[in-house]
């Protein structure tokens, strides 16, 4: 079986444990510094690339805001948890029927 991913979505969540790789289950927990999103946002190999989506979770505790900035590559789209649509709608992806996927929606998860 082959599953093609046309445009990856990378996740950043300050409440996540360190050592994440940007996947939904293991998001990056910071924007800048070693092991953070910006450190691998270079389009090399399986790293984030031009045209990818980046989703930032809002932290419910301290710190209340991300520190530093995010360095975007050409056509990358930065989406925050306060977006008015679900992430799948914004990114234009179809979630398979029957999948057990929680997807971000305006400061809550819709399963």
N, C-alpha and C. Protein backbone atom coordinates (compact mmCIF):
# COMPACT_ATOMS: atom_id res chain seq x y z
N UNK A 1 0.84 -1.16 0.00
CA UNK A 1 0.00 0.00 0.00
C UNK A 1 0.89 1.23 0.00
N UNK A 2 0.52 2.20 -0.80
CA UNK A 2 1.23 3.46 -0.85
C UNK A 2 0.28 4.57 -0.46
N UNK A 3 0.71 5.42 0.42
CA UNK A 3 -0.08 6.58 0.81
C UNK A 3 0.71 7.81 0.40
N UNK A 4 0.15 8.58 -0.50
CA UNK A 4 0.81 9.79 -0.96
C UNK A 4 0.32 10.98 -0.16
N UNK A 5 1.24 11.76 0.33
CA UNK A 5 0.92 12.98 1.07
C UNK A 5 1.32 14.14 0.17
N UNK A 6 0.32 14.90 -0.28
CA UNK A 6 0.61 15.96 -1.23
C UNK A 6 1.23 17.18 -0.57
N UNK A 7 0.66 17.62 0.53
CA UNK A 7 1.19 18.79 1.23
C UNK A 7 1.18 18.49 2.73
N UNK A 8 2.34 18.25 3.31
CA UNK A 8 2.39 17.93 4.74
C UNK A 8 1.91 19.09 5.62
N UNK A 9 1.42 18.72 6.79
CA UNK A 9 1.05 19.69 7.82
C UNK A 9 1.97 19.42 9.00
N UNK A 10 2.70 20.43 9.44
CA UNK A 10 3.61 20.33 10.57
C UNK A 10 2.95 20.97 11.78
N UNK A 11 3.19 20.40 12.96
CA UNK A 11 2.53 20.87 14.18
C UNK A 11 3.55 21.37 15.19
N UNK A 12 3.20 22.48 15.85
CA UNK A 12 4.03 23.06 16.92
C UNK A 12 3.11 23.31 18.10
N UNK A 13 3.46 22.74 19.26
CA UNK A 13 2.64 22.86 20.47
C UNK A 13 3.56 23.02 21.67
N UNK A 14 3.52 24.18 22.29
CA UNK A 14 4.40 24.44 23.44
C UNK A 14 4.19 23.46 24.59
N UNK A 15 3.01 22.88 24.69
CA UNK A 15 2.73 21.95 25.79
C UNK A 15 3.26 20.54 25.50
N UNK A 16 3.78 20.31 24.30
CA UNK A 16 4.28 18.98 23.93
C UNK A 16 5.62 18.70 24.58
N UNK A 17 5.94 17.43 24.70
CA UNK A 17 7.25 17.03 25.22
C UNK A 17 8.32 17.40 24.21
N UNK A 18 9.54 17.61 24.68
CA UNK A 18 10.66 17.90 23.80
C UNK A 18 10.97 16.71 22.90
N UNK A 19 11.69 16.97 21.83
CA UNK A 19 12.11 15.89 20.95
C UNK A 19 11.10 15.52 19.89
N UNK A 20 10.04 16.31 19.74
CA UNK A 20 9.04 16.02 18.71
C UNK A 20 9.59 16.26 17.32
N UNK A 21 8.91 15.66 16.34
CA UNK A 21 9.36 15.80 14.95
C UNK A 21 8.34 16.50 14.06
N UNK A 22 7.32 17.11 14.66
CA UNK A 22 6.37 17.90 13.89
C UNK A 22 5.13 17.17 13.45
N UNK A 23 5.03 15.87 13.73
CA UNK A 23 3.81 15.13 13.38
C UNK A 23 2.72 15.44 14.40
N UNK A 24 1.48 15.16 14.06
CA UNK A 24 0.35 15.44 14.94
C UNK A 24 0.54 14.81 16.31
N UNK A 25 1.01 13.58 16.37
CA UNK A 25 1.19 12.88 17.65
C UNK A 25 2.46 13.30 18.38
N UNK A 26 3.42 13.88 17.66
CA UNK A 26 4.70 14.29 18.26
C UNK A 26 5.13 15.65 17.72
N UNK A 27 4.39 16.71 18.07
CA UNK A 27 4.70 18.03 17.52
C UNK A 27 6.01 18.60 18.06
N UNK A 28 6.56 19.55 17.33
CA UNK A 28 7.66 20.35 17.88
C UNK A 28 7.08 21.11 19.06
N UNK A 29 7.92 21.46 20.05
CA UNK A 29 7.40 22.22 21.19
C UNK A 29 7.96 23.64 21.24
N UNK A 30 8.64 24.07 20.18
CA UNK A 30 9.20 25.42 20.14
C UNK A 30 9.44 25.82 18.69
N UNK A 31 9.60 27.11 18.48
CA UNK A 31 9.87 27.62 17.14
C UNK A 31 11.36 27.75 16.87
N UNK A 32 12.11 28.32 17.83
CA UNK A 32 13.53 28.58 17.60
C UNK A 32 14.43 27.80 18.53
N UNK A 33 15.62 27.51 18.06
CA UNK A 33 16.60 26.77 18.85
C UNK A 33 16.75 25.34 18.37
N UNK A 34 17.70 24.64 18.95
CA UNK A 34 17.95 23.25 18.57
C UNK A 34 16.73 22.39 18.85
N UNK A 35 16.37 21.53 17.92
CA UNK A 35 15.22 20.65 18.10
C UNK A 35 13.87 21.31 17.88
N UNK A 36 13.89 22.55 17.43
CA UNK A 36 12.66 23.31 17.22
C UNK A 36 12.33 23.40 15.73
N UNK A 37 11.15 23.90 15.43
CA UNK A 37 10.69 23.98 14.04
C UNK A 37 11.66 24.70 13.13
N UNK A 38 12.08 25.91 13.49
CA UNK A 38 12.96 26.69 12.60
C UNK A 38 14.27 25.96 12.28
N UNK A 39 14.74 25.13 13.20
CA UNK A 39 16.02 24.43 13.00
C UNK A 39 15.97 23.44 11.84
N UNK A 40 14.78 22.94 11.52
CA UNK A 40 14.66 21.96 10.43
C UNK A 40 13.82 22.46 9.26
N UNK A 41 13.38 23.69 9.32
CA UNK A 41 12.55 24.24 8.25
C UNK A 41 13.44 24.70 7.10
N UNK A 42 13.97 23.71 6.38
CA UNK A 42 14.95 24.02 5.34
C UNK A 42 14.67 23.33 4.01
N UNK A 43 13.60 22.55 3.92
CA UNK A 43 13.25 21.89 2.67
C UNK A 43 14.14 20.72 2.30
N UNK A 44 15.02 20.31 3.19
CA UNK A 44 15.95 19.22 2.90
C UNK A 44 15.34 17.88 3.32
N UNK A 45 15.39 16.90 2.45
CA UNK A 45 14.90 15.56 2.79
C UNK A 45 13.46 15.57 3.26
N UNK A 46 13.21 14.98 4.43
CA UNK A 46 11.86 14.89 4.99
C UNK A 46 11.53 16.07 5.91
N UNK A 47 12.29 17.14 5.82
CA UNK A 47 12.03 18.34 6.63
C UNK A 47 10.91 19.17 6.00
N UNK A 48 10.36 20.12 6.78
CA UNK A 48 9.37 21.03 6.21
C UNK A 48 9.94 21.71 4.96
N UNK A 49 9.05 21.94 3.99
CA UNK A 49 9.49 22.49 2.71
C UNK A 49 8.55 23.60 2.25
N UNK A 50 8.93 24.28 1.18
CA UNK A 50 8.10 25.32 0.59
C UNK A 50 6.71 24.75 0.29
N UNK A 51 5.67 25.52 0.60
CA UNK A 51 4.30 25.12 0.31
C UNK A 51 3.64 24.30 1.39
N UNK A 52 4.38 23.87 2.41
CA UNK A 52 3.80 23.08 3.50
C UNK A 52 2.95 23.96 4.42
N UNK A 53 2.10 23.31 5.20
CA UNK A 53 1.29 23.99 6.21
C UNK A 53 1.96 23.82 7.58
N UNK A 54 1.90 24.85 8.42
CA UNK A 54 2.41 24.79 9.78
C UNK A 54 1.27 25.21 10.71
N UNK A 55 0.97 24.37 11.68
CA UNK A 55 -0.12 24.64 12.61
C UNK A 55 0.43 24.90 14.00
N UNK A 56 0.07 26.05 14.59
CA UNK A 56 0.49 26.41 15.94
C UNK A 56 -0.66 26.23 16.91
N UNK A 57 -0.45 25.40 17.92
CA UNK A 57 -1.43 25.26 19.00
C UNK A 57 -1.27 26.42 19.97
N UNK A 58 -2.36 26.87 20.53
CA UNK A 58 -2.33 27.90 21.56
C UNK A 58 -2.04 27.21 22.90
N UNK A 59 -1.10 27.75 23.63
CA UNK A 59 -0.77 27.18 24.92
C UNK A 59 -1.82 27.58 25.95
N UNK A 60 -2.30 26.61 26.71
CA UNK A 60 -3.29 26.92 27.74
C UNK A 60 -2.63 27.36 29.04
N UNK A 61 -1.33 27.17 29.16
CA UNK A 61 -0.60 27.58 30.36
C UNK A 61 0.57 28.45 30.00
N UNK A 62 1.49 28.58 30.91
CA UNK A 62 2.69 29.38 30.64
C UNK A 62 3.64 28.58 29.77
N UNK A 63 4.35 29.19 28.86
CA UNK A 63 4.20 30.60 28.46
C UNK A 63 2.95 30.78 27.61
N UNK A 64 2.38 31.95 27.68
CA UNK A 64 1.13 32.22 26.98
C UNK A 64 1.34 32.50 25.50
N UNK A 65 2.55 32.76 25.10
CA UNK A 65 2.83 33.07 23.70
C UNK A 65 4.15 32.44 23.28
N UNK A 66 4.29 32.16 22.01
CA UNK A 66 5.56 31.66 21.50
C UNK A 66 6.58 32.78 21.58
N UNK A 67 7.82 32.42 21.80
CA UNK A 67 8.89 33.42 21.79
C UNK A 67 9.64 33.30 20.49
N UNK A 68 10.21 34.41 20.06
CA UNK A 68 10.90 34.41 18.77
C UNK A 68 9.89 34.41 17.64
N UNK A 69 10.36 34.22 16.46
CA UNK A 69 9.48 34.22 15.30
C UNK A 69 9.56 32.91 14.57
N UNK A 70 8.83 32.83 13.50
CA UNK A 70 8.88 31.65 12.65
C UNK A 70 9.38 32.10 11.28
N UNK A 71 10.33 31.38 10.75
CA UNK A 71 10.90 31.69 9.45
C UNK A 71 10.20 30.82 8.41
N UNK A 72 9.36 31.43 7.58
CA UNK A 72 8.60 30.68 6.59
C UNK A 72 9.35 30.60 5.27
N UNK A 73 9.25 29.45 4.61
CA UNK A 73 9.77 29.29 3.26
C UNK A 73 8.69 29.73 2.28
N UNK A 74 9.03 29.83 1.02
CA UNK A 74 8.06 30.26 0.00
C UNK A 74 6.78 29.44 0.07
N UNK A 75 5.67 30.14 0.07
CA UNK A 75 4.33 29.55 0.03
C UNK A 75 3.97 28.66 1.21
N UNK A 76 4.73 28.68 2.29
CA UNK A 76 4.29 27.98 3.49
C UNK A 76 3.13 28.77 4.09
N UNK A 77 2.20 28.05 4.69
CA UNK A 77 1.04 28.69 5.28
C UNK A 77 1.02 28.43 6.78
N UNK A 78 0.97 29.50 7.56
CA UNK A 78 0.97 29.42 9.02
C UNK A 78 -0.48 29.55 9.50
N UNK A 79 -0.92 28.55 10.27
CA UNK A 79 -2.29 28.50 10.74
C UNK A 79 -2.28 28.41 12.26
N UNK A 80 -3.09 29.22 12.90
CA UNK A 80 -3.19 29.19 14.35
C UNK A 80 -4.44 28.48 14.81
N UNK A 81 -4.44 28.08 16.07
CA UNK A 81 -5.57 27.34 16.62
C UNK A 81 -6.86 28.15 16.60
N UNK A 82 -6.77 29.46 16.52
CA UNK A 82 -7.96 30.30 16.49
C UNK A 82 -8.57 30.43 15.11
N UNK A 83 -8.12 29.65 14.13
CA UNK A 83 -8.66 29.71 12.78
C UNK A 83 -10.16 29.42 12.79
N UNK A 84 -10.86 29.94 11.80
CA UNK A 84 -12.32 29.81 11.78
C UNK A 84 -12.81 28.52 11.11
N UNK A 85 -11.92 27.74 10.56
CA UNK A 85 -12.29 26.47 9.93
C UNK A 85 -11.44 25.36 10.53
N UNK A 86 -11.83 24.11 10.30
CA UNK A 86 -10.99 22.99 10.73
C UNK A 86 -9.74 22.96 9.86
N UNK A 87 -8.71 22.36 10.38
CA UNK A 87 -7.44 22.32 9.66
C UNK A 87 -7.57 21.57 8.35
N UNK A 88 -8.34 20.50 8.31
CA UNK A 88 -8.49 19.76 7.05
C UNK A 88 -9.15 20.62 5.98
N UNK A 89 -10.10 21.46 6.35
CA UNK A 89 -10.74 22.36 5.38
C UNK A 89 -9.73 23.39 4.89
N UNK A 90 -9.00 24.01 5.80
CA UNK A 90 -8.02 25.03 5.42
C UNK A 90 -6.94 24.44 4.52
N UNK A 91 -6.46 23.25 4.86
CA UNK A 91 -5.38 22.63 4.09
C UNK A 91 -5.89 21.92 2.83
N UNK A 92 -7.22 21.76 2.72
CA UNK A 92 -7.78 21.13 1.54
C UNK A 92 -7.54 19.63 1.48
N UNK A 93 -7.54 18.98 2.64
CA UNK A 93 -7.35 17.52 2.67
C UNK A 93 -8.67 16.86 3.06
N UNK A 94 -8.80 15.60 2.68
CA UNK A 94 -9.98 14.83 3.02
C UNK A 94 -9.63 13.81 4.09
N UNK A 95 -10.33 13.87 5.20
CA UNK A 95 -10.12 12.90 6.28
C UNK A 95 -10.96 11.67 5.94
N UNK A 96 -10.34 10.49 5.86
CA UNK A 96 -11.07 9.29 5.49
C UNK A 96 -12.23 8.99 6.45
N UNK A 97 -13.34 8.55 5.91
CA UNK A 97 -14.49 8.15 6.70
C UNK A 97 -14.08 7.06 7.68
N UNK A 98 -14.53 7.18 8.92
CA UNK A 98 -14.23 6.18 9.93
C UNK A 98 -12.88 6.34 10.59
N UNK A 99 -12.11 7.33 10.18
CA UNK A 99 -10.80 7.52 10.83
C UNK A 99 -11.01 8.13 12.20
N UNK A 100 -10.16 7.77 13.12
CA UNK A 100 -10.24 8.27 14.49
C UNK A 100 -9.25 9.41 14.63
N UNK A 101 -9.55 10.51 13.96
CA UNK A 101 -8.62 11.63 13.92
C UNK A 101 -9.27 12.84 14.58
N UNK A 102 -8.62 13.37 15.59
CA UNK A 102 -9.07 14.63 16.17
C UNK A 102 -8.36 15.73 15.41
N UNK A 103 -9.11 16.70 14.94
CA UNK A 103 -8.49 17.78 14.19
C UNK A 103 -8.82 19.12 14.82
N UNK A 104 -7.87 20.02 14.84
CA UNK A 104 -8.04 21.30 15.51
C UNK A 104 -9.18 22.14 14.93
N UNK A 105 -9.95 22.75 15.80
CA UNK A 105 -11.01 23.67 15.41
C UNK A 105 -11.16 24.72 16.49
N UNK A 106 -10.94 25.95 16.15
CA UNK A 106 -11.13 27.09 17.04
C UNK A 106 -11.04 26.76 18.52
N UNK A 107 -9.82 26.52 18.97
CA UNK A 107 -9.50 26.29 20.37
C UNK A 107 -10.17 25.08 20.98
N UNK A 108 -10.47 24.07 20.20
CA UNK A 108 -11.01 22.82 20.70
C UNK A 108 -10.67 21.73 19.69
N UNK A 109 -10.86 20.50 20.05
CA UNK A 109 -10.66 19.40 19.11
C UNK A 109 -12.01 18.86 18.70
N UNK A 110 -12.16 18.65 17.41
CA UNK A 110 -13.37 18.05 16.89
C UNK A 110 -13.01 16.64 16.43
N UNK A 111 -13.63 15.63 17.01
CA UNK A 111 -13.31 14.23 16.66
C UNK A 111 -14.42 13.61 15.85
